[in-house]
Amino acid sequence: MSMTDLRSATEIADAVATGRSSAAAIMEEAIARIERYDAVQPAIWISRASPDILREAARRIDARIADGESLPLAGVPFAVKDNIDVAGFETTAACPAFAYRPERSATVVARLEQAGAICVGKTNLDQFATGLVGVRSPYGIPRNAYNPDYVSGGSSSGSSICVAAGLVPIALGTDTAGSGRVPAAFNHLIGFKPTKGRWSTDGLVPACRSIDCITVFAHDSVDARLADAVVAGFDPRDPWSKPLAHRGIAASRIGVPRKDQRAFFGDTQSETLYDRALATLGRDAEIVELDIAPLLEAARLLYGGPWVAERTAAIADLLRDNPDAIDPTVREVVSAGTGMSAVELWNGIYRLAELKRHADTLWDDVDMLAFPTTGTIYRVRELEAAPVALNSNLGFYTNFVNLLDMAAIAVPAGARSNRTGFGITLIGPADTDAALIDAAQNYLDAAELPPPPPLAEETIVERVKLAVVGAHLKDMPLHWQLTSRDAQFIAETTTAPSYRLYAMADSTPPKPALAYSADGAEIPVEIYELDVAHFGSFTAEVPAPLAIGTVTLSDGSSVKGFVAEPRALDGAEDITHLGGWRAFIAQG
């Protein structure tokens, strides 16, 4: 089965408005795509409208167009995270015992529908929007659209996957700690998180009511801007809503974490992709390294401070009366708020005010921030083994944003070798939403990223890149150890200029030792790719004093490769000046 991308919301609305297509035709395509994708992973949905209901809704849109009505989202199918009310659907927040049927739609949903969009269903989520992973739901686990071994990201898991898979062009999520940005990064999407109060939260099941934001997932910034144009605006039903304001940014000075404060949790591919993104941003702007310790302290308040009690307040009755209905990990997180005192709360408020005052001064030195959206990604089974600690790692760069009243947009910044997405988030002060969308598009234009990899329709066999430098090179004595494992040749390149090459003494067949050195040179290598199982068996056969470690290449990326223990250099000959192992062998 081949899933093709649905046209963008902008293209659909234009086609329906101009008569080049119809809402009915667009909806038939969407119904077919959704039904086909059920065979891949049905867990992205909690509830869906029937095909007959969707067809009737599309006919009504076509009738409105025929009557001359102008609809900026004419015929656009969209999905809604199931902690946001939609008339005609239950709202569950991924907890069956909590479910209720709202009398009316949330304001944001009503505005989308008034503009001609059609809600096709409610999407799965980390229960009560508590998590950045997408695995905490009794309705199943939505998995990454590009590699099902990996998490989709959460809590807006289902919304991100139905956009990534091309089922709908836009979907609503929510964001308290990063839930509208992390899934966007993992699935090669745009995730727009507006300023607090810009989009109404009327009709939203609260996580932390004072900082919750409703967000949108899209494939491009044009659709994100279109959704914002339709949805943004003051809503008297929402006590947190505020009148629209617009603040421009020059985007000529971009703040990034100091290198010693960056956390990638061992994920060297993410680190390389972030460096590449900064190189792109640095073509037209000054990159300014910042001390982000105050931002990280603010982030810790969200789960390590009294704000966890705000999550407790949102489901206090259920937690008291039916705690077993709550996912065990969610219950563990939320229960911590029951012991919070008013003194702790006020001390937290005071400290956050101090940290926000510091954060506000950042805008004197930079126009916006460009942080990794996350430092890494995890497999589903890894999250199940360590659900709290690994979830916390994913919030390292996201948790502070809403607490400090910032706007943000997550944008794609490349793919890891496992096909999952890496992203960066552009962050600005409150009310810079439009300017951030502009900056996101400017970055994407400059980055010229390749299209995302193919969607996963079956289990993905993970592969590992390996750099070989000596006896495993093509036509060398041990090359058979690669070919017998179906290793695929990728490229001939060189290491970074920080290695020296030695011919080890008394080695049969002759073997080199690659050693890191501050006064090194670029050493020729060949890159091969093996699946994980074959890589493991290959590594098991590597004899001491050689070992498999991580080698940095000339383009700044890192791969696995041969390295040497110090004893490998005993009696060894430094052959760096010869320009590689082939040259050494050629001289006899």
Protein backbone atom coordinates (compact mmCIF):
# COMPACT_ATOMS: atom_id res chain seq x y z
CA MET A 1 0.00 0.00 0.00
CA SER A 2 1.32 3.41 -0.88
CA MET A 3 0.08 6.43 1.04
CA THR A 4 0.39 9.68 -0.91
CA ASP A 5 0.29 13.14 0.60
CA LEU A 6 -3.01 14.91 0.80
CA ARG A 7 -2.91 18.38 -0.73
CA SER A 8 -2.35 21.23 1.69
CA ALA A 9 -5.22 23.04 3.39
CA THR A 10 -4.43 26.11 1.33
CA GLU A 11 -4.59 24.19 -1.95
CA ILE A 12 -7.78 22.37 -0.99
CA ALA A 13 -9.59 25.56 0.03
CA ASP A 14 -8.54 27.32 -3.15
CA ALA A 15 -9.62 24.40 -5.35
CA VAL A 16 -13.03 24.16 -3.69
CA ALA A 17 -13.59 27.93 -3.66
CA THR A 18 -12.77 28.26 -7.36
CA GLY A 19 -14.77 25.24 -8.48
CA ARG A 20 -11.76 23.22 -9.61
CA SER A 21 -12.79 20.62 -7.07
CA SER A 22 -15.56 20.13 -4.55
CA ALA A 23 -15.73 19.50 -0.84
CA ALA A 24 -17.49 16.23 -1.66
CA ALA A 25 -14.61 15.03 -3.86
CA ILE A 26 -12.00 16.07 -1.30
CA MET A 27 -13.89 14.23 1.43
CA GLU A 28 -14.10 11.02 -0.59
CA GLU A 29 -10.32 11.10 -0.94
CA ALA A 30 -9.90 11.69 2.79
CA ILE A 31 -12.29 8.86 3.74
CA ALA A 32 -10.39 6.44 1.51
CA ARG A 33 -7.02 7.46 2.92
CA ILE A 34 -8.20 7.17 6.51
CA GLU A 35 -9.68 3.71 5.94
CA ARG A 36 -6.53 2.47 4.20
CA TYR A 37 -4.30 3.74 7.01
CA ASP A 38 -6.35 1.81 9.57
CA ALA A 39 -4.43 -1.24 8.39
CA VAL A 40 -1.17 0.49 9.34
CA GLN A 41 -2.10 1.87 12.76
CA PRO A 42 -5.69 2.46 13.88
CA ALA A 43 -4.60 3.64 17.35
CA ILE A 44 -4.25 7.23 16.18
CA TRP A 45 -8.04 7.70 16.56
CA ILE A 46 -10.34 7.59 19.57
CA SER A 47 -13.52 8.35 17.61
CA ARG A 48 -14.38 9.20 14.00
CA ALA A 49 -17.37 10.55 12.15
CA SER A 50 -19.11 8.04 9.88
CA PRO A 51 -18.56 8.38 6.13
CA ASP A 52 -22.21 9.35 5.68
CA ILE A 53 -21.92 12.19 8.19
CA LEU A 54 -18.74 13.43 6.50
CA ARG A 55 -20.33 13.30 3.05
CA GLU A 56 -23.31 15.31 4.27
CA ALA A 57 -20.98 17.89 5.87
CA ALA A 58 -19.09 18.19 2.57
CA ARG A 59 -22.35 18.70 0.65
CA ARG A 60 -23.23 21.56 2.99
CA ILE A 61 -19.89 23.20 2.28
CA ASP A 62 -20.45 22.92 -1.46
CA ALA A 63 -23.89 24.50 -0.98
CA ARG A 64 -22.38 27.41 0.94
CA ILE A 65 -19.86 27.95 -1.85
CA ALA A 66 -22.64 27.81 -4.44
CA ASP A 67 -24.48 30.50 -2.48
CA GLY A 68 -21.46 32.77 -2.88
CA GLU A 69 -20.09 32.43 0.66
CA SER A 70 -16.35 33.02 1.06
CA LEU A 71 -14.79 30.20 3.09
CA PRO A 72 -11.02 30.37 3.75
CA LEU A 73 -10.97 26.64 4.68
CA ALA A 74 -13.58 25.39 2.25
CA GLY A 75 -13.75 21.59 2.33
CA VAL A 76 -10.57 21.12 4.38
CA PRO A 77 -10.69 17.91 6.47
CA PHE A 78 -9.12 18.31 9.91
CA ALA A 79 -8.70 16.27 13.10
CA VAL A 80 -8.95 17.32 16.74
CA LYS A 81 -7.08 16.05 19.77
CA ASP A 82 -9.57 14.37 22.10
CA ASN A 83 -9.14 16.80 24.95
CA ILE A 84 -10.83 19.52 22.85
CA ASP A 85 -14.63 19.57 22.58
CA VAL A 86 -16.32 18.88 19.25
CA ALA A 87 -20.11 18.79 19.11
CA GLY A 88 -21.32 15.33 18.14
CA PHE A 89 -18.28 13.56 19.61
CA GLU A 90 -17.46 12.45 23.14
CA THR A 91 -14.50 14.13 24.81
CA THR A 92 -12.45 11.49 26.64
CA ALA A 93 -8.98 13.00 27.23
CA ALA A 94 -7.97 9.33 26.66
CA CYS A 95 -9.77 8.24 29.83
CA PRO A 96 -13.06 6.34 29.29
CA ALA A 97 -14.18 6.97 32.88
CA PHE A 98 -13.85 10.73 32.33
CA ALA A 99 -15.75 10.85 29.02
CA TYR A 100 -18.58 13.31 28.46
CA ARG A 101 -20.54 14.63 25.47
CA PRO A 102 -20.22 18.42 25.13
CA GLU A 103 -23.18 20.57 24.17
CA ARG A 104 -21.09 22.67 21.79
CA SER A 105 -17.70 22.74 20.12
CA ALA A 106 -14.67 24.51 21.51
CA THR A 107 -14.28 28.02 20.13
CA VAL A 108 -11.29 27.08 17.97
CA VAL A 109 -13.20 24.18 16.42
CA ALA A 110 -16.25 26.34 15.80
CA ARG A 111 -14.12 28.95 14.04
CA LEU A 112 -12.52 26.33 11.80
CA GLU A 113 -15.90 24.87 10.90
CA GLN A 114 -17.40 28.29 10.24
CA ALA A 115 -14.49 28.85 7.82
CA GLY A 116 -15.49 25.68 5.93
CA ALA A 117 -13.32 23.00 7.53
CA ILE A 118 -14.78 19.58 8.40
CA CYS A 119 -13.78 17.62 11.51
CA VAL A 120 -13.28 13.96 10.60
CA GLY A 121 -12.53 12.66 14.09
CA LYS A 122 -10.94 12.87 17.52
CA THR A 123 -7.33 11.74 17.97
CA ASN A 124 -5.50 9.76 20.61
CA LEU A 125 -3.23 11.38 23.19
CA ASP A 126 -1.23 10.82 26.33
CA GLN A 127 -4.00 10.65 28.90
CA PHE A 128 -5.01 14.08 30.20
CA ALA A 129 -2.26 15.52 27.99
CA THR A 130 0.31 14.38 30.55
CA GLY A 131 3.36 13.24 28.62
CA LEU A 132 5.57 14.03 25.65
CA VAL A 133 5.68 10.45 24.40
CA GLY A 134 2.31 9.21 23.11
CA VAL A 135 2.36 5.86 24.92
CA ARG A 136 0.06 6.65 27.89
CA SER A 137 -3.36 5.80 26.52
CA PRO A 138 -5.83 2.93 26.98
CA TYR A 139 -6.79 3.37 23.31
CA GLY A 140 -3.45 2.04 22.09
CA ILE A 141 -0.09 3.56 21.18
CA PRO A 142 0.22 5.76 18.09
CA ARG A 143 3.67 5.06 16.75
CA ASN A 144 6.02 7.21 14.75
CA ALA A 145 4.79 7.57 11.17
CA TYR A 146 8.27 6.90 9.79
CA ASN A 147 9.48 4.12 12.09
CA PRO A 148 6.96 2.30 14.30
CA ASP A 149 9.64 1.14 16.72
CA TYR A 150 9.84 4.76 17.90
CA VAL A 151 7.43 7.00 19.76
CA SER A 152 5.23 9.46 17.93
CA GLY A 153 5.79 12.09 20.58
CA GLY A 154 3.01 13.43 22.75
CA SER A 155 0.82 14.31 24.16
CA SER A 156 -0.69 15.23 20.77
CA SER A 157 0.29 11.87 19.30
CA GLY A 158 -2.69 11.02 17.10
CA SER A 159 -3.01 14.53 15.69
CA SER A 160 0.61 14.55 14.56
CA ILE A 161 0.41 11.11 12.94
CA CYS A 162 -2.79 11.77 10.98
CA VAL A 163 -1.12 14.84 9.43
CA ALA A 164 2.22 13.09 8.85
CA ALA A 165 0.43 10.17 7.18
CA GLY A 166 -1.48 12.50 4.85
CA LEU A 167 -4.92 11.70 6.25
CA VAL A 168 -5.73 15.37 6.88
CA PRO A 169 -3.68 18.47 6.06
CA ILE A 170 -4.08 20.09 9.49
CA ALA A 171 -4.92 18.87 13.00
CA LEU A 172 -5.37 20.53 16.35
CA GLY A 173 -3.18 19.58 19.28
CA THR A 174 -2.42 21.17 22.61
CA ASP A 175 0.78 22.30 24.26
CA THR A 176 1.57 22.80 27.93
CA ALA A 177 5.09 21.42 28.16
CA GLY A 178 5.84 20.82 24.48
CA SER A 179 2.99 18.57 23.35
CA GLY A 180 2.42 20.54 20.16
CA ARG A 181 6.10 20.73 19.28
CA VAL A 182 7.71 17.39 20.19
CA PRO A 183 5.39 15.26 17.97
CA ALA A 184 5.92 17.74 15.14
CA ALA A 185 9.68 17.25 15.36
CA PHE A 186 9.51 13.46 15.45
CA ASN A 187 7.22 13.32 12.40
CA HIS A 188 8.78 15.97 10.09
CA LEU A 189 6.00 18.52 10.66
CA ILE A 190 5.39 22.15 11.51
CA GLY A 191 4.04 22.57 15.04
CA PHE A 192 2.79 26.10 15.73
CA LYS A 193 2.28 27.02 19.40
CA PRO A 194 0.77 30.48 19.64
CA THR A 195 1.17 33.01 22.43
CA LYS A 196 -0.93 32.22 25.49
CA GLY A 197 -4.36 33.74 25.00
CA ARG A 198 -4.03 34.23 21.24
CA TRP A 199 -6.11 31.10 20.57
CA SER A 200 -9.09 30.49 22.83
CA THR A 201 -8.88 27.53 25.20
CA ASP A 202 -12.65 27.50 25.73
CA GLY A 203 -13.74 23.87 25.42
CA LEU A 204 -10.32 22.44 26.32
CA VAL A 205 -9.92 19.87 29.10
CA PRO A 206 -7.23 21.63 31.10
CA ALA A 207 -3.81 20.23 31.91
CA CYS A 208 -2.38 23.40 33.47
CA ARG A 209 -5.15 25.88 32.80
CA SER A 210 -3.00 28.98 33.27
CA ILE A 211 -0.50 28.01 30.57
CA ASP A 212 -2.33 25.62 28.21
CA CYS A 213 -2.28 26.46 24.50
CA ILE A 214 -4.13 24.89 21.57
CA THR A 215 -1.83 24.30 18.60
CA VAL A 216 -1.85 23.18 14.99
CA PHE A 217 0.14 20.59 13.04
CA ALA A 218 0.76 21.15 9.34
CA HIS A 219 3.17 20.22 6.59
CA ASP A 220 4.11 23.82 5.81
CA SER A 221 4.13 27.28 7.32
CA VAL A 222 1.48 28.52 4.86
CA ASP A 223 -1.12 26.20 6.39
CA ALA A 224 -0.02 27.16 9.90
CA ARG A 225 -0.52 30.83 9.02
CA LEU A 226 -3.92 30.08 7.49
CA ALA A 227 -5.09 28.27 10.63
CA ASP A 228 -3.86 31.13 12.79
CA ALA A 229 -5.69 33.67 10.64
CA VAL A 230 -8.96 31.78 11.11
CA VAL A 231 -8.65 30.83 14.78
CA ALA A 232 -6.77 33.67 16.52
CA GLY A 233 -8.73 36.36 18.29
CA PHE A 234 -10.27 37.38 21.58
CA ASP A 235 -12.91 35.08 23.06
CA PRO A 236 -15.00 36.34 25.99
CA ARG A 237 -15.79 32.71 26.93
CA ASP A 238 -12.13 32.13 27.80
CA PRO A 239 -10.88 33.92 30.93
CA TRP A 240 -7.29 33.58 29.67
CA SER A 241 -8.00 35.06 26.24
CA LYS A 242 -6.56 38.44 25.33
CA PRO A 243 -6.90 40.86 22.40
CA LEU A 244 -4.61 40.23 19.47
CA ALA A 245 -1.31 42.07 19.41
CA HIS A 246 1.53 41.94 16.91
CA ARG A 247 5.21 42.31 17.71
CA GLY A 248 7.80 42.18 14.97
CA ILE A 249 11.30 40.73 15.19
CA ALA A 250 14.33 41.40 13.04
CA ALA A 251 15.68 37.83 13.35
CA SER A 252 19.22 39.16 12.90
CA ARG A 253 20.45 37.92 16.30
CA ILE A 254 19.53 34.36 17.20
CA GLY A 255 20.07 33.00 20.70
CA VAL A 256 21.20 29.40 21.17
CA PRO A 257 22.31 27.40 24.22
CA ARG A 258 25.96 27.52 25.16
CA LYS A 259 27.71 24.40 23.92
CA ASP A 260 28.35 23.17 27.46
CA GLN A 261 24.61 23.44 28.21
CA ARG A 262 23.35 21.50 25.19
CA ALA A 263 21.93 18.09 25.96
CA PHE A 264 21.58 15.40 23.30
CA PHE A 265 21.55 12.41 25.66
CA GLY A 266 24.11 10.52 23.59
CA ASP A 267 22.34 11.16 20.29
CA THR A 268 25.19 12.31 18.06
CA GLN A 269 22.97 12.46 14.98
CA SER A 270 20.71 15.02 16.63
CA GLU A 271 23.76 17.03 17.65
CA THR A 272 25.05 17.04 14.07
CA LEU A 273 21.66 18.02 12.67
CA TYR A 274 21.40 20.89 15.15
CA ASP A 275 24.84 22.16 14.16
CA ARG A 276 23.75 22.09 10.52
CA ALA A 277 20.59 24.04 11.35
CA LEU A 278 22.65 26.68 13.14
CA ALA A 279 24.99 26.91 10.16
CA THR A 280 21.95 27.61 7.97
CA LEU A 281 20.58 30.22 10.35
CA GLY A 282 24.03 31.76 10.68
CA ARG A 283 24.21 32.66 6.99
CA ASP A 284 21.95 35.67 7.51
CA ALA A 285 22.05 36.21 11.26
CA GLU A 286 24.45 36.41 14.18
CA ILE A 287 24.38 33.29 16.37
CA VAL A 288 24.61 34.32 20.03
CA GLU A 289 25.37 31.71 22.67
CA LEU A 290 23.36 32.25 25.86
CA ASP A 291 23.45 31.02 29.42
CA ILE A 292 20.17 29.09 29.53
CA ALA A 293 20.39 28.03 33.19
CA PRO A 294 17.50 30.35 34.19
CA LEU A 295 15.32 28.89 31.43
CA LEU A 296 16.11 25.38 32.59
CA GLU A 297 15.26 26.33 36.16
CA ALA A 298 11.90 27.64 34.99
CA ALA A 299 11.36 24.38 33.09
CA ARG A 300 11.90 22.37 36.27
CA LEU A 301 9.06 24.24 37.97
CA LEU A 302 6.54 22.64 35.63
CA TYR A 303 6.88 19.13 37.03
CA GLY A 304 9.23 19.65 39.97
CA GLY A 305 7.36 22.65 41.39
CA PRO A 306 3.83 23.62 42.37
CA TRP A 307 2.49 23.71 38.80
CA VAL A 308 2.01 19.96 39.01
CA ALA A 309 -0.80 20.79 41.46
CA GLU A 310 -2.59 22.55 38.60
CA ARG A 311 -2.70 19.21 36.79
CA THR A 312 -4.03 17.66 39.98
CA ALA A 313 -6.77 20.27 40.19
CA ALA A 314 -7.92 19.50 36.65
CA ILE A 315 -8.83 15.88 37.52
CA ALA A 316 -9.09 16.05 41.31
CA ASP A 317 -12.51 14.38 41.50
CA LEU A 318 -11.49 11.43 39.32
CA LEU A 319 -8.20 11.06 41.19
CA ARG A 320 -10.11 10.91 44.48
CA ASP A 321 -13.07 8.77 43.44
CA ASN A 322 -11.66 6.44 40.78
CA PRO A 323 -7.85 6.56 40.73
CA ASP A 324 -7.56 3.17 38.99
CA ALA A 325 -9.16 4.72 35.89
CA ILE A 326 -6.03 6.82 35.41
CA ASP A 327 -2.95 5.52 33.60
CA PRO A 328 -0.41 4.48 36.27
CA THR A 329 2.32 6.82 35.05
CA VAL A 330 -0.11 9.73 34.69
CA ARG A 331 -1.46 8.98 38.17
CA GLU A 332 2.07 9.00 39.58
CA VAL A 333 2.78 12.39 38.02
CA VAL A 334 -0.52 14.02 38.94
CA SER A 335 -0.76 12.60 42.46
CA ALA A 336 2.35 14.52 43.44
CA GLY A 337 0.28 17.70 43.41
CA THR A 338 -1.95 16.60 46.27
CA GLY A 339 0.79 17.35 48.78
CA MET A 340 1.58 20.85 47.53
CA SER A 341 0.98 23.63 50.03
CA ALA A 342 -0.11 27.20 49.39
CA VAL A 343 3.28 28.32 50.68
CA GLU A 344 5.03 26.20 48.05
CA LEU A 345 2.71 27.60 45.39
CA TRP A 346 3.40 31.22 46.25
CA ASN A 347 7.13 30.63 46.52
CA GLY A 348 6.96 29.06 43.08
CA ILE A 349 5.04 32.02 41.70
CA TYR A 350 7.59 34.42 43.15
CA ARG A 351 10.52 32.48 41.71
CA LEU A 352 8.88 32.21 38.30
CA ALA A 353 8.34 35.98 38.27
CA GLU A 354 12.06 36.47 38.92
CA LEU A 355 12.97 34.02 36.16
CA LYS A 356 10.55 35.65 33.75
CA ARG A 357 12.08 39.05 34.43
CA HIS A 358 15.46 37.54 33.53
CA ALA A 359 14.02 35.87 30.42
CA ASP A 360 12.52 39.17 29.28
CA THR A 361 15.98 40.71 29.30
CA LEU A 362 17.15 38.11 26.77
CA TRP A 363 15.26 40.02 24.10
CA ASP A 364 17.66 42.95 24.61
CA ASP A 365 20.46 40.72 23.27
CA VAL A 366 18.68 38.48 20.75
CA ASP A 367 15.61 38.66 18.52
CA MET A 368 14.58 35.04 18.89
CA LEU A 369 15.83 31.68 20.15
CA ALA A 370 16.58 28.61 18.03
CA PHE A 371 16.70 25.51 20.24
CA PRO A 372 16.56 21.82 19.40
CA THR A 373 12.95 20.77 19.79
CA THR A 374 14.25 17.68 21.55
CA GLY A 375 17.74 16.35 22.06
CA THR A 376 16.87 12.79 21.07
CA ILE A 377 14.07 10.28 20.45
CA TYR A 378 13.29 6.93 22.08
CA ARG A 379 11.84 3.59 21.11
CA VAL A 380 8.45 2.66 22.48
CA ARG A 381 9.94 -0.17 24.50
CA GLU A 382 12.50 2.20 26.03
CA LEU A 383 9.73 4.53 27.21
CA GLU A 384 7.81 1.64 28.69
CA ALA A 385 10.91 0.67 30.68
CA ALA A 386 11.71 4.17 31.99
CA PRO A 387 8.59 6.27 31.42
CA VAL A 388 9.27 9.26 33.66
CA ALA A 389 13.01 9.81 33.22
CA LEU A 390 13.01 9.56 29.42
CA ASN A 391 9.89 11.70 29.11
CA SER A 392 11.70 14.36 31.14
CA ASN A 393 14.61 14.28 28.71
CA LEU A 394 12.24 15.07 25.85
CA GLY A 395 11.05 18.21 27.65
CA PHE A 396 14.52 19.63 28.24
CA TYR A 397 14.15 22.35 25.59
CA THR A 398 10.36 22.79 25.71
CA ASN A 399 9.08 22.96 29.28
CA PHE A 400 9.95 26.60 29.96
CA VAL A 401 8.24 28.21 26.96
CA ASN A 402 4.66 28.52 28.19
CA LEU A 403 5.65 29.30 31.76
CA LEU A 404 7.64 32.28 30.47
CA ASP A 405 4.89 33.42 28.06
CA MET A 406 6.73 32.83 24.80
CA ALA A 407 5.49 31.94 21.33
CA ALA A 408 7.08 29.11 19.38
CA ILE A 409 7.05 27.22 16.11
CA ALA A 410 8.69 23.83 15.63
CA VAL A 411 10.12 23.19 12.16
CA PRO A 412 11.78 20.16 10.55
CA ALA A 413 15.59 20.14 10.48
CA GLY A 414 16.47 16.75 9.03
CA ALA A 415 16.10 13.02 9.56
CA ARG A 416 18.04 10.55 11.66
CA SER A 417 19.25 7.34 10.06
CA ASN A 418 16.24 5.58 11.66
CA ARG A 419 14.01 7.92 9.56
CA THR A 420 12.53 9.75 12.54
CA GLY A 421 12.50 13.52 12.39
CA PHE A 422 14.75 16.01 14.11
CA GLY A 423 13.52 19.56 14.50
CA ILE A 424 14.40 22.95 15.84
CA THR A 425 12.04 25.37 17.54
CA LEU A 426 12.09 29.10 16.91
CA ILE A 427 11.00 30.91 20.06
CA GLY A 428 10.09 34.55 20.54
CA PRO A 429 8.47 36.79 23.14
CA ALA A 430 4.70 36.95 23.41
CA ASP A 431 2.86 38.23 20.33
CA THR A 432 5.66 37.52 17.84
CA ASP A 433 3.58 34.73 16.29
CA ALA A 434 3.39 36.09 12.76
CA ALA A 435 7.06 37.02 12.77
CA LEU A 436 8.01 33.53 13.92
CA ILE A 437 6.03 31.95 11.09
CA ASP A 438 7.94 34.23 8.68
CA ALA A 439 11.25 33.21 10.29
CA ALA A 440 10.30 29.54 10.03
CA GLN A 441 9.65 29.85 6.31
CA ASN A 442 12.90 31.75 5.80
CA TYR A 443 14.79 28.98 7.56
CA LEU A 444 13.11 26.24 5.52
CA ASP A 445 13.82 28.10 2.28
CA ALA A 446 17.49 28.43 3.20
CA ALA A 447 17.89 24.88 4.56
CA GLU A 448 16.56 23.21 1.39
CA LEU A 449 15.91 20.00 3.29
CA PRO A 450 15.24 16.84 1.30
CA PRO A 451 11.66 15.55 1.51
CA PRO A 452 10.87 13.31 4.47
CA PRO A 453 11.64 9.61 4.02
CA PRO A 454 8.86 7.23 2.99
CA LEU A 455 6.15 6.56 5.54
CA ALA A 456 6.44 3.31 7.46
CA GLU A 457 3.91 0.70 6.43
CA GLU A 458 5.67 -2.19 8.13
CA THR A 459 8.41 -2.76 10.68
CA ILE A 460 11.55 -0.84 9.79
CA VAL A 461 14.86 -2.66 9.94
CA GLU A 462 17.23 -0.26 11.63
CA ARG A 463 20.63 0.15 10.06
CA VAL A 464 23.95 1.46 11.35
CA LYS A 465 26.63 3.32 9.40
CA LEU A 466 30.17 2.02 9.94
CA ALA A 467 33.45 3.64 8.92
CA VAL A 468 36.28 1.26 8.01
CA VAL A 469 39.84 2.42 7.63
CA GLY A 470 42.06 -0.59 7.00
CA ALA A 471 41.76 -4.32 6.48
CA HIS A 472 37.98 -4.07 5.90
CA LEU A 473 38.30 -1.71 2.94
CA LYS A 474 37.18 -2.98 -0.44
CA ASP A 475 39.62 -5.57 -1.85
CA MET A 476 41.37 -5.86 1.52
CA PRO A 477 41.74 -9.19 3.39
CA LEU A 478 38.84 -8.74 5.85
CA HIS A 479 36.35 -7.09 3.50
CA TRP A 480 34.45 -10.38 3.37
CA GLN A 481 33.30 -9.78 6.97
CA LEU A 482 31.18 -6.93 5.58
CA THR A 483 29.97 -8.55 2.36
CA SER A 484 28.92 -11.70 4.22
CA ARG A 485 26.62 -9.49 6.32
CA ASP A 486 25.06 -7.76 3.30
CA ALA A 487 26.74 -4.47 4.17
CA GLN A 488 25.87 -1.72 1.71
CA PHE A 489 28.59 0.64 0.51
CA ILE A 490 27.53 4.25 1.14
CA ALA A 491 30.45 6.55 0.40
CA GLU A 492 34.18 7.09 0.35
CA THR A 493 35.11 10.09 2.47
CA THR A 494 37.51 11.23 5.19
CA THR A 495 37.45 11.71 8.93
CA ALA A 496 37.54 15.10 10.57
CA PRO A 497 41.13 16.48 10.77
CA SER A 498 41.56 15.18 14.29
CA TYR A 499 42.90 11.65 13.85
CA ARG A 500 46.22 9.93 13.25
CA LEU A 501 46.67 6.56 11.58
CA TYR A 502 49.15 3.93 12.78
CA ALA A 503 50.23 0.56 11.41
CA MET A 504 50.07 -1.78 14.40
CA ALA A 505 53.04 -4.01 15.15
CA ASP A 506 52.76 -7.78 14.79
CA SER A 507 49.22 -7.75 13.38
CA THR A 508 48.05 -10.51 11.01
CA PRO A 509 46.72 -9.56 8.59
CA PRO A 510 48.23 -6.08 8.84
CA LYS A 511 45.80 -3.69 10.54
CA PRO A 512 45.80 0.02 11.27
CA ALA A 513 44.92 1.84 14.48
CA LEU A 514 42.94 5.07 14.24
CA ALA A 515 43.58 7.36 17.20
CA TYR A 516 42.18 10.76 18.09
CA SER A 517 44.80 13.54 18.09
CA ALA A 518 44.62 17.31 18.45
CA ASP A 519 47.24 17.61 15.67
CA GLY A 520 45.69 15.04 13.39
CA ALA A 521 44.71 14.96 9.74
CA GLU A 522 41.82 13.81 7.55
CA ILE A 523 42.10 10.04 7.14
CA PRO A 524 40.41 8.29 4.17
CA VAL A 525 37.58 5.92 5.17
CA GLU A 526 34.83 3.93 3.50
CA ILE A 527 31.30 4.06 4.93
CA TYR A 528 29.12 0.97 4.95
CA GLU A 529 25.64 0.37 6.34
CA LEU A 530 24.50 -2.79 8.13
CA ASP A 531 21.30 -3.73 9.89
CA VAL A 532 21.50 -3.71 13.68
CA ALA A 533 21.73 -7.48 14.04
CA HIS A 534 24.60 -7.81 11.56
CA PHE A 535 26.34 -4.81 13.11
CA GLY A 536 26.17 -6.53 16.49
CA SER A 537 27.67 -9.75 15.16
CA PHE A 538 30.38 -7.79 13.36
CA THR A 539 31.27 -5.88 16.52
CA ALA A 540 31.49 -9.12 18.49
CA GLU A 541 34.31 -10.28 16.20
CA VAL A 542 36.48 -7.16 16.56
CA PRO A 543 39.64 -8.26 18.39
CA ALA A 544 41.48 -6.25 21.04
CA PRO A 545 43.22 -3.84 21.08
CA LEU A 546 40.81 -2.54 18.43
CA ALA A 547 37.27 -1.51 19.31
CA ILE A 548 34.18 0.04 17.76
CA GLY A 549 33.53 3.60 18.84
CA THR A 550 32.27 6.82 17.31
CA VAL A 551 34.21 8.54 14.52
CA THR A 552 33.61 12.11 13.38
CA LEU A 553 33.65 12.66 9.63
CA SER A 554 34.85 15.68 7.69
CA ASP A 555 31.29 16.99 7.25
CA GLY A 556 30.79 17.02 11.02
CA SER A 557 28.54 13.97 11.17
CA SER A 558 29.36 10.96 13.34
CA VAL A 559 29.25 7.26 12.54
CA LYS A 560 30.42 4.10 14.23
CA GLY A 561 33.96 3.10 13.35
CA PHE A 562 37.21 1.46 14.38
CA VAL A 563 39.10 3.08 17.22
CA ALA A 564 42.05 1.82 19.20
CA GLU A 565 42.97 1.23 22.82
CA PRO A 566 46.22 2.98 23.89
CA ARG A 567 48.14 -0.33 23.85
CA ALA A 568 47.47 -0.61 20.11
CA LEU A 569 50.09 2.09 19.59
CA ASP A 570 52.90 0.17 21.33
CA GLY A 571 55.54 -0.29 18.64
CA ALA A 572 53.16 1.04 15.97
CA GLU A 573 54.32 3.15 13.01
CA ASP A 574 52.68 6.54 12.44
CA ILE A 575 51.58 6.46 8.79
CA THR A 576 49.33 9.52 8.82
CA HIS A 577 51.55 11.35 6.34
CA LEU A 578 51.01 8.65 3.71
CA GLY A 579 47.35 9.58 3.30
CA GLY A 580 45.61 6.33 4.23
CA TRP A 581 45.89 2.59 4.60
CA ARG A 582 45.86 1.85 0.87
CA ALA A 583 48.93 4.05 0.41
CA PHE A 584 50.72 2.21 3.21
CA ILE A 585 49.93 -1.20 1.68
CA ALA A 586 50.94 0.02 -1.78
CA GLN A 587 54.43 0.95 -0.61
CA GLY A 588 54.95 -2.63 0.54
